[in-house]
């Protein structure tokens, strides 16, 4: 697992152990309330979550100093086991398939939450372009970067660094809530067909990257990198 994700997991565990009793219950109440609102399609402010949870605004802002911090926490809750995903396989294609099989059902289960977070990200982008965002903290999105690099880790050293990075970037186009927007909302596919298309596309990208590397190397490379 990527070092940054290991450190984040350790820090989260330490934070959970440090917060016991009423503090932990209040934070959990806020997260559950925010999750409920986001699952209903709302992108709530800290004040709105405080009101819905019947917590004072001052208390709410001690836990979540900005809307971005609140939404990020809810997103991390939704991602759950995806953030600590690991594979023992040494085959990049199989690892990518395992990641998709683990992540996509979870992402679909929290589809409304992730769409609400995407809405906030797009709204912040629009306000930044218009010069009206001010000092509001930005919602950071990027878990897929580490996850996908971890999935194709067996190809590190087999692909040139540029190609390795390009493959991770290409896979990121079909991983996450965006693929649900395209395949479910636009194409009208059900869950099974959505997963099938995403898995097929991911496998095709990995195989193409390896084949291209072998061709460019004049046959030099590992044809067992992807089965």
Protein backbone atom coordinates (compact mmCIF):
# COMPACT_ATOMS: atom_id res chain seq x y z
CA UNK A 1 0.00 0.00 0.00
CA UNK A 2 1.17 3.53 -0.74
CA UNK A 3 3.08 5.07 2.21
CA UNK A 4 0.86 8.16 2.29
CA UNK A 5 -2.25 5.97 2.60
CA UNK A 6 -0.59 3.88 5.32
CA UNK A 7 0.24 7.03 7.26
CA UNK A 8 -3.31 8.33 6.82
CA UNK A 9 -4.74 5.06 8.12
CA UNK A 10 -2.42 5.13 11.16
CA UNK A 11 -3.32 8.76 11.86
CA UNK A 12 -7.03 7.97 11.58
CA UNK A 13 -6.70 5.06 13.98
CA UNK A 14 -4.78 7.23 16.43
CA UNK A 15 -7.40 9.94 16.16
CA UNK A 16 -10.18 7.48 16.85
CA UNK A 17 -8.39 6.15 19.93
CA UNK A 18 -7.77 9.69 21.17
CA UNK A 19 -11.40 10.71 20.90
CA UNK A 20 -13.62 8.83 23.31
CA UNK A 21 -16.89 9.45 25.00
CA UNK A 22 -19.02 12.51 24.17
CA UNK A 23 -16.52 13.99 21.71
CA UNK A 24 -16.41 10.83 19.63
CA UNK A 25 -20.19 10.49 19.74
CA UNK A 26 -20.71 14.09 18.65
CA UNK A 27 -18.31 13.75 15.73
CA UNK A 28 -19.91 10.46 14.72
CA UNK A 29 -23.36 12.06 14.91
CA UNK A 30 -22.25 14.86 12.60
CA UNK A 31 -20.71 12.44 10.11
CA UNK A 32 -23.81 10.26 10.10
CA UNK A 33 -26.05 13.29 9.67
CA UNK A 34 -23.93 14.68 6.84
CA UNK A 35 -23.86 11.25 5.17
CA UNK A 36 -27.65 11.01 5.38
CA UNK A 37 -28.03 14.45 3.82
CA UNK A 38 -25.53 13.72 1.06
CA UNK A 39 -27.12 10.36 0.31
CA UNK A 40 -30.30 12.34 -0.22
CA UNK A 41 -28.52 14.44 -2.84
CA UNK A 42 -27.75 17.49 -0.70
CA UNK A 43 -24.31 19.08 -0.36
CA UNK A 44 -24.72 20.52 3.15
CA UNK A 45 -22.81 23.30 4.82
CA UNK A 46 -21.34 22.80 8.28
CA UNK A 47 -24.13 24.96 9.71
CA UNK A 48 -26.81 22.87 8.00
CA UNK A 49 -25.36 19.66 9.39
CA UNK A 50 -25.10 21.22 12.85
CA UNK A 51 -28.76 22.21 12.71
CA UNK A 52 -29.90 18.81 11.47
CA UNK A 53 -27.81 17.05 14.13
CA UNK A 54 -28.92 19.50 16.82
CA UNK A 55 -25.34 20.46 17.58
CA UNK A 56 -24.20 24.01 18.16
CA UNK A 57 -22.45 25.70 15.27
CA UNK A 58 -19.43 26.43 17.45
CA UNK A 59 -19.08 22.74 18.26
CA UNK A 60 -19.60 21.72 14.64
CA UNK A 61 -16.89 24.04 13.37
CA UNK A 62 -14.43 22.69 15.93
CA UNK A 63 -14.71 19.31 14.23
CA UNK A 64 -15.10 20.54 10.66
CA UNK A 65 -13.74 24.06 10.07
CA UNK A 66 -15.07 24.22 6.49
CA UNK A 67 -17.58 22.62 4.15
CA UNK A 68 -14.72 21.05 2.23
CA UNK A 69 -13.37 19.41 5.40
CA UNK A 70 -16.83 18.07 6.23
CA UNK A 71 -17.50 16.71 2.74
CA UNK A 72 -14.01 15.17 2.58
CA UNK A 73 -14.65 13.36 5.86
CA UNK A 74 -17.98 12.02 4.57
CA UNK A 75 -16.34 10.92 1.31
CA UNK A 76 -13.64 9.06 3.25
CA UNK A 77 -16.36 7.37 5.30
CA UNK A 78 -18.08 6.34 2.10
CA UNK A 79 -14.89 5.03 0.56
CA UNK A 80 -14.28 2.92 3.66
CA UNK A 81 -12.35 -0.26 2.80
CA UNK A 82 -11.40 1.07 -0.61
CA UNK A 83 -8.81 3.34 1.02
CA UNK A 84 -6.93 0.38 2.52
CA UNK A 85 -7.29 -1.92 -0.50
CA UNK A 86 -4.34 -4.22 -1.15
CA UNK A 87 -3.64 -7.18 -3.38
CA UNK A 88 -1.21 -10.07 -3.10
CA UNK A 89 -1.28 -10.73 -6.84
CA UNK A 90 1.79 -9.96 -8.91
CA UNK A 91 -0.27 -9.67 -12.09
CA UNK A 92 -1.22 -6.08 -12.92
CA UNK A 93 -4.32 -6.99 -14.87
CA UNK A 94 -5.64 -9.15 -12.05
CA UNK A 95 -4.87 -6.46 -9.47
CA UNK A 96 -6.76 -3.84 -11.46
CA UNK A 97 -9.73 -6.20 -11.79
CA UNK A 98 -9.65 -6.83 -8.02
CA UNK A 99 -9.57 -3.11 -7.28
CA UNK A 100 -12.54 -2.45 -9.55
CA UNK A 101 -14.46 -5.38 -8.06
CA UNK A 102 -13.84 -4.01 -4.57
CA UNK A 103 -14.36 -0.33 -5.26
CA UNK A 104 -17.16 0.04 -7.78
CA UNK A 105 -19.95 -1.64 -5.76
CA UNK A 106 -19.01 0.55 -2.78
CA UNK A 107 -18.93 3.66 -4.94
CA UNK A 108 -22.33 2.77 -6.33
CA UNK A 109 -23.72 2.24 -2.82
CA UNK A 110 -22.63 5.77 -1.92
CA UNK A 111 -23.30 7.17 -5.38
CA UNK A 112 -25.34 10.12 -4.12
CA UNK A 113 -22.63 11.04 -1.62
CA UNK A 114 -19.90 11.05 -4.24
CA UNK A 115 -22.07 12.97 -6.69
CA UNK A 116 -22.72 15.59 -3.99
CA UNK A 117 -18.97 15.87 -3.42
CA UNK A 118 -18.40 16.17 -7.18
CA UNK A 119 -21.03 18.91 -7.29
CA UNK A 120 -19.16 20.86 -4.60
CA UNK A 121 -15.87 20.41 -6.47
CA UNK A 122 -17.42 21.70 -9.71
CA UNK A 123 -19.08 24.59 -7.88
CA UNK A 124 -15.76 25.58 -6.31
CA UNK A 125 -14.08 25.41 -9.71
CA UNK A 126 -16.71 27.72 -11.20
CA UNK A 127 -16.34 30.21 -8.36
CA UNK A 128 -12.56 30.05 -8.62
CA UNK A 129 -12.79 30.83 -12.34
CA UNK A 130 -15.09 33.74 -11.55
CA UNK A 131 -12.80 34.97 -8.79
CA UNK A 132 -15.48 34.59 -6.11
CA UNK A 133 -14.13 31.59 -4.18
CA UNK A 134 -12.12 33.76 -1.83
CA UNK A 135 -10.24 31.95 0.90
CA UNK A 136 -12.60 28.99 1.06
CA UNK A 137 -10.58 25.75 1.36
CA UNK A 138 -10.80 23.60 -1.74
CA UNK A 139 -12.18 20.08 -1.68
CA UNK A 140 -9.29 17.80 -2.54
CA UNK A 141 -9.92 14.75 -4.72
CA UNK A 142 -7.18 12.30 -5.54
CA UNK A 143 -7.53 8.97 -3.76
CA UNK A 144 -7.77 7.23 -7.11
CA UNK A 145 -4.26 8.33 -8.02
CA UNK A 146 -2.61 6.29 -5.25
CA UNK A 147 -5.06 3.41 -5.60
CA UNK A 148 -4.48 2.98 -9.32
CA UNK A 149 -0.71 3.30 -9.01
CA UNK A 150 -0.87 0.60 -6.36
CA UNK A 151 -2.97 -1.60 -8.65
CA UNK A 152 -0.47 -1.42 -11.52
CA UNK A 153 2.59 -1.53 -9.25
CA UNK A 154 3.87 -4.80 -10.84
CA UNK A 155 4.42 -2.82 -14.06
CA UNK A 156 6.69 -0.29 -12.39
CA UNK A 157 10.10 -0.86 -13.91
CA UNK A 158 8.61 -2.84 -16.78
CA UNK A 159 6.98 0.24 -18.29
CA UNK A 160 8.89 3.48 -18.81
CA UNK A 161 7.93 5.99 -16.06
CA UNK A 162 6.04 8.10 -18.58
CA UNK A 163 3.98 5.13 -19.77
CA UNK A 164 3.35 3.92 -16.21
CA UNK A 165 1.97 7.33 -15.29
CA UNK A 166 -0.07 7.54 -18.49
CA UNK A 167 -1.66 4.15 -17.78
CA UNK A 168 -2.66 5.26 -14.27
CA UNK A 169 -4.10 8.45 -15.74
CA UNK A 170 -6.05 6.54 -18.39
CA UNK A 171 -7.46 4.14 -15.79
CA UNK A 172 -8.57 7.08 -13.68
CA UNK A 173 -10.99 8.03 -16.45
CA UNK A 174 -13.01 4.86 -15.84
CA UNK A 175 -12.68 4.64 -12.05
CA UNK A 176 -14.88 6.55 -9.65
CA UNK A 177 -18.33 8.06 -9.61
CA UNK A 178 -17.77 9.62 -13.02
CA UNK A 179 -18.04 6.23 -14.71
CA UNK A 180 -21.46 5.80 -13.10
CA UNK A 181 -22.54 9.15 -14.51
CA UNK A 182 -21.49 8.12 -18.01
CA UNK A 183 -22.61 4.49 -18.09
CA UNK A 184 -25.69 4.62 -15.86
CA UNK A 185 -27.03 8.14 -16.32
CA UNK A 186 -26.13 8.67 -19.98
CA UNK A 187 -26.14 5.13 -21.36
CA UNK A 188 -28.80 3.78 -19.03
CA UNK A 189 -26.85 0.63 -18.09
CA UNK A 190 -27.69 -1.34 -14.97
CA UNK A 191 -25.12 -2.12 -12.28
CA UNK A 192 -23.99 -5.42 -13.79
CA UNK A 193 -23.45 -4.02 -17.27
CA UNK A 194 -21.76 -0.92 -15.87
CA UNK A 195 -19.26 -3.08 -14.00
CA UNK A 196 -18.71 -5.28 -17.05
CA UNK A 197 -17.90 -2.31 -19.30
CA UNK A 198 -15.61 -0.73 -16.68
CA UNK A 199 -13.75 -4.02 -16.14
CA UNK A 200 -13.41 -4.61 -19.88
CA UNK A 201 -12.07 -1.10 -20.47
CA UNK A 202 -9.62 -1.36 -17.57
CA UNK A 203 -8.28 -4.70 -18.78
CA UNK A 204 -7.95 -3.41 -22.33
CA UNK A 205 -5.95 -0.39 -21.16
CA UNK A 206 -3.52 -2.52 -19.16
CA UNK A 207 -3.01 -4.98 -22.01
CA UNK A 208 -2.54 -2.17 -24.52
CA UNK A 209 0.06 -0.45 -22.34
CA UNK A 210 2.07 -3.66 -21.95
CA UNK A 211 1.80 -4.59 -25.65
CA UNK A 212 2.88 -1.11 -26.69
CA UNK A 213 5.89 -1.28 -24.39
CA UNK A 214 6.90 -4.67 -25.82
CA UNK A 215 6.56 -3.41 -29.39
CA UNK A 216 8.59 -0.28 -28.70
CA UNK A 217 11.26 -2.38 -27.02
CA UNK A 218 11.61 -4.66 -30.00
CA UNK A 219 10.17 -7.60 -28.14
CA UNK A 220 11.94 -6.83 -24.88
CA UNK A 221 9.57 -7.05 -21.96
CA UNK A 222 7.56 -9.48 -19.91
CA UNK A 223 4.58 -10.97 -21.71
CA UNK A 224 3.56 -12.48 -18.40
CA UNK A 225 3.05 -9.06 -16.85
CA UNK A 226 -0.62 -9.20 -17.75
CA UNK A 227 -2.44 -12.47 -18.24
